[in-house]
């Protein structure tokens, strides 16, 4: 696949990533508009991830059988339709349904883009480099989305966020339909029995489960914070919407810079050491979040500082673990990518739902949920570190 097609894939990632939480800064306004509580509004993200989870299970196997291009086009069509539904939704039930449909469509790009890169670049080092870059793009865009959403919400209201997403989704769909090539040269027969066999093979492998769950839990911790941040900063900390956006921008800037430097950091320290350093930073920052939420519960600066440290650790080790997870079963990368994305979105759905349910306006419960997610992630990463699974990508390959 020539490099000229990479911008098309990036555009599709823009569409599928910003739809997740660009609306977050508008949550307080949405709660007032629909006259519902904070937890109900947060379910717009949880339902989105639930749809993402369901769609992600299917797109990989379907793309192995029918091609990457058709799945990208169909998935992005569903995404664009859901985006329009969000713009015009007159009630909360219809908005939740539209967000669910968006999630089903968004998972297509999140799954298939990585499989397309693996198809087009047989060289593992090259593929790993591009997969890392695309994954960084996906994660950074998801992190930047609430910042952009804050300014859009301030200028034209919460429906403006959904309108921007709809516009980008339709631009992406047009580019995919007109210019995206097919990267898969051999196709497999679509059989439920074979899909079940592939998923069974993946889910029985401890290395795959650990390499998939660790980054999913790291991201789940971040999303648990994102879902509550607008209420926490504007209501508990009593900051203006723009002040909240600036705090969020600080966390995102830290993550973006470290992600862009991650290649050099990995070259200097090595994969194993990077995972150790990243794990330590995630663990210590999440612990201090809990402590400071008890000792200084009204300090937005301490919350932002320790979330920035957590983001640093996340950015250092996330790309390594994610890339490794795709290389464990190289013959079924489409299904593997589906399983990874489905697990990640289910973890996010669970932690966002838990945060919305237990949130009481105090940072302690949010911090405790983040700590729980990080502890689980560290348990998976710790086992992989003991097995020295990060020495090289080839050490994880299963023939």
Protein backbone atom coordinates (compact mmCIF):
# COMPACT_ATOMS: atom_id res chain seq x y z
CA UNK A 1 0.00 0.00 0.00
CA UNK A 2 1.67 3.23 -1.07
CA UNK A 3 2.21 5.91 1.51
CA UNK A 4 -0.26 8.11 -0.41
CA UNK A 5 -3.07 5.99 1.04
CA UNK A 6 -1.95 6.41 4.65
CA UNK A 7 -3.68 9.84 4.93
CA UNK A 8 -6.98 8.15 4.05
CA UNK A 9 -6.50 5.68 6.89
CA UNK A 10 -5.56 8.51 9.24
CA UNK A 11 -8.73 10.41 8.26
CA UNK A 12 -10.80 7.34 9.05
CA UNK A 13 -9.08 7.14 12.45
CA UNK A 14 -9.88 10.80 13.03
CA UNK A 15 -13.55 10.06 12.42
CA UNK A 16 -13.68 6.97 14.64
CA UNK A 17 -11.64 8.44 17.48
CA UNK A 18 -13.00 11.94 18.01
CA UNK A 19 -16.58 10.66 18.09
CA UNK A 20 -15.85 8.90 21.37
CA UNK A 21 -15.59 11.86 23.70
CA UNK A 22 -15.62 15.18 21.82
CA UNK A 23 -19.01 15.73 23.46
CA UNK A 24 -17.65 15.37 27.01
CA UNK A 25 -17.25 19.13 27.73
CA UNK A 26 -20.92 19.61 26.86
CA UNK A 27 -22.13 17.06 29.43
CA UNK A 28 -23.28 19.63 32.03
CA UNK A 29 -25.23 21.52 29.33
CA UNK A 30 -26.69 18.26 28.00
CA UNK A 31 -27.79 17.22 31.49
CA UNK A 32 -29.64 20.50 31.88
CA UNK A 33 -31.13 20.37 28.36
CA UNK A 34 -32.54 16.84 28.74
CA UNK A 35 -33.24 17.30 32.47
CA UNK A 36 -31.39 14.12 33.49
CA UNK A 37 -28.68 13.34 36.04
CA UNK A 38 -24.93 13.27 35.38
CA UNK A 39 -24.75 9.47 35.28
CA UNK A 40 -27.31 9.25 32.48
CA UNK A 41 -25.34 11.66 30.31
CA UNK A 42 -22.13 9.72 30.93
CA UNK A 43 -23.87 6.66 29.49
CA UNK A 44 -23.60 8.29 26.05
CA UNK A 45 -19.94 7.22 26.18
CA UNK A 46 -20.64 3.86 27.80
CA UNK A 47 -23.25 2.93 25.15
CA UNK A 48 -20.83 4.06 22.45
CA UNK A 49 -18.20 1.65 23.76
CA UNK A 50 -20.77 -1.13 24.04
CA UNK A 51 -21.56 -0.74 20.33
CA UNK A 52 -17.84 -0.54 19.62
CA UNK A 53 -17.33 -3.82 21.51
CA UNK A 54 -20.00 -5.65 19.51
CA UNK A 55 -18.86 -4.30 16.14
CA UNK A 56 -15.20 -5.01 16.83
CA UNK A 57 -15.90 -8.72 17.26
CA UNK A 58 -17.21 -8.95 13.69
CA UNK A 59 -15.13 -6.65 11.49
CA UNK A 60 -11.87 -8.59 11.73
CA UNK A 61 -13.23 -11.99 10.66
CA UNK A 62 -15.47 -10.37 8.03
CA UNK A 63 -12.49 -8.47 6.60
CA UNK A 64 -10.49 -11.72 6.45
CA UNK A 65 -13.31 -13.31 4.42
CA UNK A 66 -14.62 -10.46 2.26
CA UNK A 67 -11.78 -7.95 2.17
CA UNK A 68 -10.63 -4.94 4.16
CA UNK A 69 -12.06 -2.28 1.84
CA UNK A 70 -15.75 -3.38 1.98
CA UNK A 71 -15.67 -3.53 5.77
CA UNK A 72 -14.12 -0.07 5.98
CA UNK A 73 -16.79 1.39 3.68
CA UNK A 74 -19.72 -0.33 5.38
CA UNK A 75 -18.46 0.44 8.87
CA UNK A 76 -17.91 4.10 8.11
CA UNK A 77 -21.37 4.31 6.53
CA UNK A 78 -22.87 3.11 9.82
CA UNK A 79 -20.66 5.58 11.71
CA UNK A 80 -21.82 8.50 9.54
CA UNK A 81 -25.49 7.51 9.94
CA UNK A 82 -25.09 7.37 13.72
CA UNK A 83 -23.39 10.77 13.69
CA UNK A 84 -26.40 12.34 11.97
CA UNK A 85 -28.66 10.67 14.52
CA UNK A 86 -26.72 12.33 17.36
CA UNK A 87 -27.11 15.77 15.79
CA UNK A 88 -30.90 15.55 15.51
CA UNK A 89 -31.73 13.36 18.54
CA UNK A 90 -34.69 14.98 20.35
CA UNK A 91 -34.48 12.84 23.50
CA UNK A 92 -31.99 10.94 25.64
CA UNK A 93 -33.17 7.43 24.57
CA UNK A 94 -32.70 8.33 20.89
CA UNK A 95 -29.32 9.94 21.61
CA UNK A 96 -28.18 6.77 23.40
CA UNK A 97 -29.31 4.66 20.44
CA UNK A 98 -27.47 6.94 18.02
CA UNK A 99 -24.31 6.72 20.14
CA UNK A 100 -24.63 2.92 20.20
CA UNK A 101 -24.89 2.85 16.38
CA UNK A 102 -21.91 5.21 16.12
CA UNK A 103 -19.88 2.78 18.21
CA UNK A 104 -20.74 -0.16 15.93
CA UNK A 105 -19.54 1.84 12.92
CA UNK A 106 -16.47 3.37 14.57
CA UNK A 107 -15.00 -0.01 15.44
CA UNK A 108 -14.49 -0.79 11.72
CA UNK A 109 -11.60 1.63 11.27
CA UNK A 110 -10.14 0.90 14.70
CA UNK A 111 -9.93 -2.81 13.80
CA UNK A 112 -9.32 -2.93 10.05
CA UNK A 113 -6.73 -0.12 9.70
CA UNK A 114 -4.18 -2.11 11.71
CA UNK A 115 -4.88 -5.28 9.73
CA UNK A 116 -4.44 -3.33 6.45
CA UNK A 117 -1.04 -2.08 7.55
CA UNK A 118 -0.01 -5.61 8.51
CA UNK A 119 -1.19 -6.79 5.04
CA UNK A 120 0.63 -4.09 3.11
CA UNK A 121 3.97 -4.21 4.96
CA UNK A 122 5.32 -7.77 5.32
CA UNK A 123 8.41 -6.39 7.07
CA UNK A 124 7.53 -6.73 10.76
CA UNK A 125 9.69 -3.83 11.90
CA UNK A 126 8.07 -1.52 9.33
CA UNK A 127 4.59 -2.76 10.17
CA UNK A 128 5.22 -2.38 13.90
CA UNK A 129 6.47 1.16 13.37
CA UNK A 130 3.38 2.16 11.37
CA UNK A 131 1.01 0.36 13.74
CA UNK A 132 2.61 2.22 16.62
CA UNK A 133 2.22 5.51 14.75
CA UNK A 134 -1.43 4.82 13.89
CA UNK A 135 -2.20 3.71 17.42
CA UNK A 136 -0.57 6.89 18.74
CA UNK A 137 -2.69 8.92 16.31
CA UNK A 138 -5.84 7.09 17.45
CA UNK A 139 -5.12 7.58 21.14
CA UNK A 140 -3.92 11.19 20.86
CA UNK A 141 -7.00 12.14 18.84
CA UNK A 142 -9.25 10.56 21.44
CA UNK A 143 -7.40 12.55 24.07
CA UNK A 144 -7.53 15.83 22.14
CA UNK A 145 -11.23 15.49 21.31
CA UNK A 146 -12.52 16.83 24.67
CA UNK A 147 -10.33 19.92 24.31
CA UNK A 148 -11.72 20.71 20.86
CA UNK A 149 -15.18 19.89 22.17
CA UNK A 150 -14.78 22.48 24.93
CA UNK A 151 -14.15 25.31 22.50
CA UNK A 152 -16.90 24.12 20.13
CA UNK A 153 -19.34 23.83 23.01
CA UNK A 154 -18.47 27.33 24.18
CA UNK A 155 -18.99 28.74 20.67
CA UNK A 156 -22.07 26.96 19.31
CA UNK A 157 -23.38 24.58 21.98
CA UNK A 158 -23.29 20.85 22.61
CA UNK A 159 -25.01 19.87 19.33
CA UNK A 160 -22.15 21.58 17.50
CA UNK A 161 -19.79 18.86 18.73
CA UNK A 162 -21.93 16.17 17.15
CA UNK A 163 -22.26 18.27 13.99
CA UNK A 164 -18.47 18.50 13.57
CA UNK A 165 -18.19 14.74 14.03
CA UNK A 166 -20.89 14.15 11.40
CA UNK A 167 -19.07 16.36 8.89
CA UNK A 168 -15.75 14.57 9.40
CA UNK A 169 -17.44 11.15 9.21
CA UNK A 170 -18.98 11.95 5.82
CA UNK A 171 -15.68 13.33 4.51
CA UNK A 172 -13.93 10.14 5.64
CA UNK A 173 -16.59 7.92 4.06
CA UNK A 174 -16.26 9.76 0.74
CA UNK A 175 -12.46 9.39 0.72
CA UNK A 176 -12.66 5.69 1.59
CA UNK A 177 -15.28 4.95 -1.08
CA UNK A 178 -13.34 6.76 -3.81
CA UNK A 179 -9.68 6.06 -3.06
CA UNK A 180 -9.10 3.20 -0.62
CA UNK A 181 -7.49 0.12 -2.24
CA UNK A 182 -7.90 -3.50 -1.18
CA UNK A 183 -4.84 -4.79 0.70
CA UNK A 184 -5.81 -8.41 1.28
CA UNK A 185 -4.80 -10.68 -1.59
CA UNK A 186 -6.15 -14.03 -0.36
CA UNK A 187 -9.57 -14.51 1.19
CA UNK A 188 -10.82 -17.09 3.65
CA UNK A 189 -14.24 -18.72 3.66
CA UNK A 190 -16.50 -17.11 6.23
CA UNK A 191 -17.52 -19.88 8.60
CA UNK A 192 -18.79 -19.42 12.12
CA UNK A 193 -16.95 -22.59 13.14
CA UNK A 194 -13.61 -21.19 11.98
CA UNK A 195 -14.26 -17.86 13.70
CA UNK A 196 -15.11 -19.63 16.94
CA UNK A 197 -11.93 -21.67 16.59
CA UNK A 198 -9.81 -18.56 16.06
CA UNK A 199 -11.33 -16.73 19.01
CA UNK A 200 -10.89 -19.81 21.20
CA UNK A 201 -7.23 -19.97 20.19
CA UNK A 202 -6.76 -16.31 21.08
CA UNK A 203 -8.63 -16.39 24.37
CA UNK A 204 -6.81 -19.48 25.61
CA UNK A 205 -3.39 -17.88 25.15
CA UNK A 206 -2.25 -16.13 28.32
CA UNK A 207 0.27 -13.92 26.54
CA UNK A 208 -2.40 -12.64 24.15
CA UNK A 209 -4.92 -12.02 26.94
CA UNK A 210 -2.33 -10.18 29.03
CA UNK A 211 -0.97 -8.12 26.12
CA UNK A 212 -4.55 -7.19 25.19
CA UNK A 213 -5.95 -6.51 28.65
CA UNK A 214 -3.03 -4.44 29.99
CA UNK A 215 -3.36 -1.54 27.50
CA UNK A 216 -7.16 -1.86 27.63
CA UNK A 217 -7.12 -1.32 31.39
CA UNK A 218 -4.67 1.56 31.07
CA UNK A 219 -7.00 3.24 28.62
CA UNK A 220 -10.02 2.34 30.74
CA UNK A 221 -8.45 4.27 33.63
CA UNK A 222 -7.98 7.32 31.42
CA UNK A 223 -11.55 7.17 30.07
CA UNK A 224 -12.94 6.83 33.60
CA UNK A 225 -11.29 10.17 34.32
CA UNK A 226 -12.38 11.77 31.04
CA UNK A 227 -16.04 10.86 31.59
CA UNK A 228 -16.10 12.58 34.98
CA UNK A 229 -13.68 15.45 34.31
CA UNK A 230 -16.20 18.09 33.14
CA UNK A 231 -18.37 17.59 36.23
CA UNK A 232 -15.36 17.33 38.54
CA UNK A 233 -13.60 20.45 37.27
CA UNK A 234 -16.63 22.69 36.66
CA UNK A 235 -18.84 21.65 39.59
CA UNK A 236 -16.55 20.30 42.34
CA UNK A 237 -13.48 22.44 41.60
CA UNK A 238 -15.73 25.31 40.40
CA UNK A 239 -13.64 26.16 37.34
CA UNK A 240 -14.97 27.72 34.16
CA UNK A 241 -15.39 25.55 31.07
CA UNK A 242 -12.33 27.12 29.45
CA UNK A 243 -10.25 26.58 32.61
CA UNK A 244 -11.29 22.91 32.56
CA UNK A 245 -10.26 22.70 28.91
CA UNK A 246 -6.84 24.13 29.74
CA UNK A 247 -6.32 21.52 32.47
CA UNK A 248 -7.36 18.81 30.03
CA UNK A 249 -5.02 20.30 27.40
CA UNK A 250 -2.10 20.00 29.82
CA UNK A 251 -2.71 16.28 30.29
CA UNK A 252 -3.12 15.76 26.54
CA UNK A 253 -0.01 17.76 25.69
CA UNK A 254 2.07 15.61 28.02
CA UNK A 255 0.66 12.45 26.46
CA UNK A 256 1.17 13.73 22.91
CA UNK A 257 4.79 14.76 23.45
CA UNK A 258 5.74 11.48 25.13
CA UNK A 259 3.93 9.50 22.41
CA UNK A 260 5.84 11.33 19.67
CA UNK A 261 9.11 10.63 21.48
CA UNK A 262 8.24 7.02 22.31
CA UNK A 263 10.26 5.63 19.39
CA UNK A 264 13.44 7.29 20.63
CA UNK A 265 12.69 6.33 24.22
CA UNK A 266 12.26 2.68 23.20
CA UNK A 267 15.51 2.74 21.21
CA UNK A 268 17.37 4.19 24.17
CA UNK A 269 15.91 2.09 26.99
CA UNK A 270 14.67 -1.02 25.21
CA UNK A 271 11.12 -2.44 25.23
CA UNK A 272 11.44 -4.28 28.53
CA UNK A 273 12.77 -1.26 30.43
CA UNK A 274 10.13 1.01 28.89
CA UNK A 275 7.36 -1.24 30.14
CA UNK A 276 8.95 -1.26 33.61
CA UNK A 277 9.25 2.55 33.69
CA UNK A 278 5.76 3.08 32.26
CA UNK A 279 4.25 0.64 34.75
CA UNK A 280 5.95 2.37 37.67
CA UNK A 281 4.73 5.82 36.61
CA UNK A 282 1.15 4.57 36.13
CA UNK A 283 1.16 2.81 39.50
CA UNK A 284 2.66 5.62 41.58
CA UNK A 285 0.53 8.34 39.98
CA UNK A 286 -2.74 6.43 40.48
CA UNK A 287 -1.83 5.81 44.12
CA UNK A 288 -1.11 9.50 44.70
CA UNK A 289 -4.42 10.40 43.02
CA UNK A 290 -6.22 8.50 45.77
CA UNK A 291 -4.08 10.05 48.52
CA UNK A 292 -4.46 13.62 47.28
CA UNK A 293 -8.21 13.17 46.72
CA UNK A 294 -8.45 12.60 50.49
CA UNK A 295 -5.90 15.18 51.66
CA UNK A 296 -6.60 17.92 49.09
CA UNK A 297 -10.00 17.11 47.53
CA UNK A 298 -10.50 20.59 46.07
CA UNK A 299 -7.21 20.92 44.19
CA UNK A 300 -7.58 20.72 40.39
CA UNK A 301 -3.82 21.26 40.01
CA UNK A 302 -2.86 18.09 41.91
CA UNK A 303 -5.44 16.11 39.93
CA UNK A 304 -4.03 17.44 36.64
CA UNK A 305 -0.42 16.87 37.73
CA UNK A 306 -0.87 13.21 38.68
CA UNK A 307 -3.06 12.51 35.64
CA UNK A 308 -0.21 13.94 33.53
CA UNK A 309 2.22 11.52 35.18
CA UNK A 310 -0.20 8.65 34.55
CA UNK A 311 -0.49 9.72 30.91
CA UNK A 312 3.31 9.74 30.63
CA UNK A 313 3.55 6.16 31.84
CA UNK A 314 0.68 5.14 29.59
CA UNK A 315 2.29 6.71 26.52
CA UNK A 316 5.61 4.97 27.16
CA UNK A 317 4.36 1.40 27.45
CA UNK A 318 1.02 1.36 25.58
CA UNK A 319 2.41 1.19 21.99
CA UNK A 320 4.83 -1.60 22.90
CA UNK A 321 2.20 -3.85 24.44
CA UNK A 322 -0.37 -3.16 21.70
CA UNK A 323 2.08 -3.91 18.88
CA UNK A 324 3.21 -7.08 20.61
CA UNK A 325 -0.39 -8.29 20.99
CA UNK A 326 -0.89 -8.23 17.19
CA UNK A 327 2.23 -10.32 16.59
CA UNK A 328 1.31 -13.24 18.84
CA UNK A 329 -0.88 -14.87 16.16
CA UNK A 330 0.35 -13.40 12.85
CA UNK A 331 -1.86 -15.66 10.70
CA UNK A 332 -5.14 -14.28 12.09
CA UNK A 333 -4.32 -10.61 12.59
CA UNK A 334 -7.79 -9.50 11.54
CA UNK A 335 -9.47 -11.60 14.22
CA UNK A 336 -6.75 -10.68 16.73
CA UNK A 337 -7.30 -6.99 16.06
CA UNK A 338 -11.05 -7.51 16.53
CA UNK A 339 -10.52 -9.28 19.84
CA UNK A 340 -8.15 -6.58 21.11
CA UNK A 341 -10.45 -3.70 20.22
CA UNK A 342 -13.51 -5.51 21.53
CA UNK A 343 -11.84 -6.19 24.87
CA UNK A 344 -10.63 -2.60 25.11
CA UNK A 345 -14.06 -1.14 24.42
CA UNK A 346 -15.76 -3.51 26.89
CA UNK A 347 -13.27 -2.52 29.60
CA UNK A 348 -13.96 1.16 28.85
CA UNK A 349 -17.71 0.51 28.92
CA UNK A 350 -17.40 -1.20 32.31
CA UNK A 351 -15.21 1.44 33.94
CA UNK A 352 -17.15 4.41 32.56
CA UNK A 353 -20.38 2.81 33.72
CA UNK A 354 -18.91 2.16 37.18
CA UNK A 355 -17.62 5.72 37.44
CA UNK A 356 -21.01 7.14 36.49
CA UNK A 357 -22.78 4.89 38.98
CA UNK A 358 -20.51 5.58 41.97
CA UNK A 359 -19.65 9.23 41.31
CA UNK A 360 -20.87 11.50 44.09
CA UNK A 361 -19.15 14.79 43.25
CA UNK A 362 -16.00 13.88 45.19
CA UNK A 363 -12.68 13.04 43.47
CA UNK A 364 -12.01 10.09 45.79
CA UNK A 365 -14.32 7.63 44.07
CA UNK A 366 -13.02 8.58 40.61
CA UNK A 367 -9.43 8.16 41.84
CA UNK A 368 -10.25 4.80 43.42
CA UNK A 369 -11.70 3.46 40.17
CA UNK A 370 -8.60 4.68 38.29
CA UNK A 371 -6.35 2.94 40.85
CA UNK A 372 -8.33 -0.29 40.51
CA UNK A 373 -7.93 -0.25 36.73
CA UNK A 374 -4.20 0.45 36.97
CA UNK A 375 -3.64 -2.32 39.54
CA UNK A 376 -5.31 -4.83 37.20
CA UNK A 377 -3.21 -3.58 34.27
CA UNK A 378 -0.01 -3.87 36.30
CA UNK A 379 -0.91 -7.45 37.26
CA UNK A 380 -1.06 -8.44 33.59
CA UNK A 381 2.08 -6.50 32.68
CA UNK A 382 3.96 -7.88 35.67
CA UNK A 383 3.41 -11.45 34.54
CA UNK A 384 4.59 -10.60 31.02
CA UNK A 385 7.67 -8.87 32.42
CA UNK A 386 8.53 -11.92 34.52
CA UNK A 387 8.26 -14.05 31.39
CA UNK A 388 10.47 -11.52 29.52
CA UNK A 389 7.85 -11.20 26.81
CA UNK A 390 8.99 -7.75 25.71
CA UNK A 391 12.49 -8.72 24.65
CA UNK A 392 11.45 -8.90 21.00
CA UNK A 393 8.33 -9.16 18.89
CA UNK A 394 9.45 -12.50 17.47
CA UNK A 395 9.55 -14.06 20.91
CA UNK A 396 5.78 -13.79 21.05
CA UNK A 397 4.95 -15.35 17.69
CA UNK A 398 2.94 -18.55 17.75
CA UNK A 399 3.16 -20.68 14.64
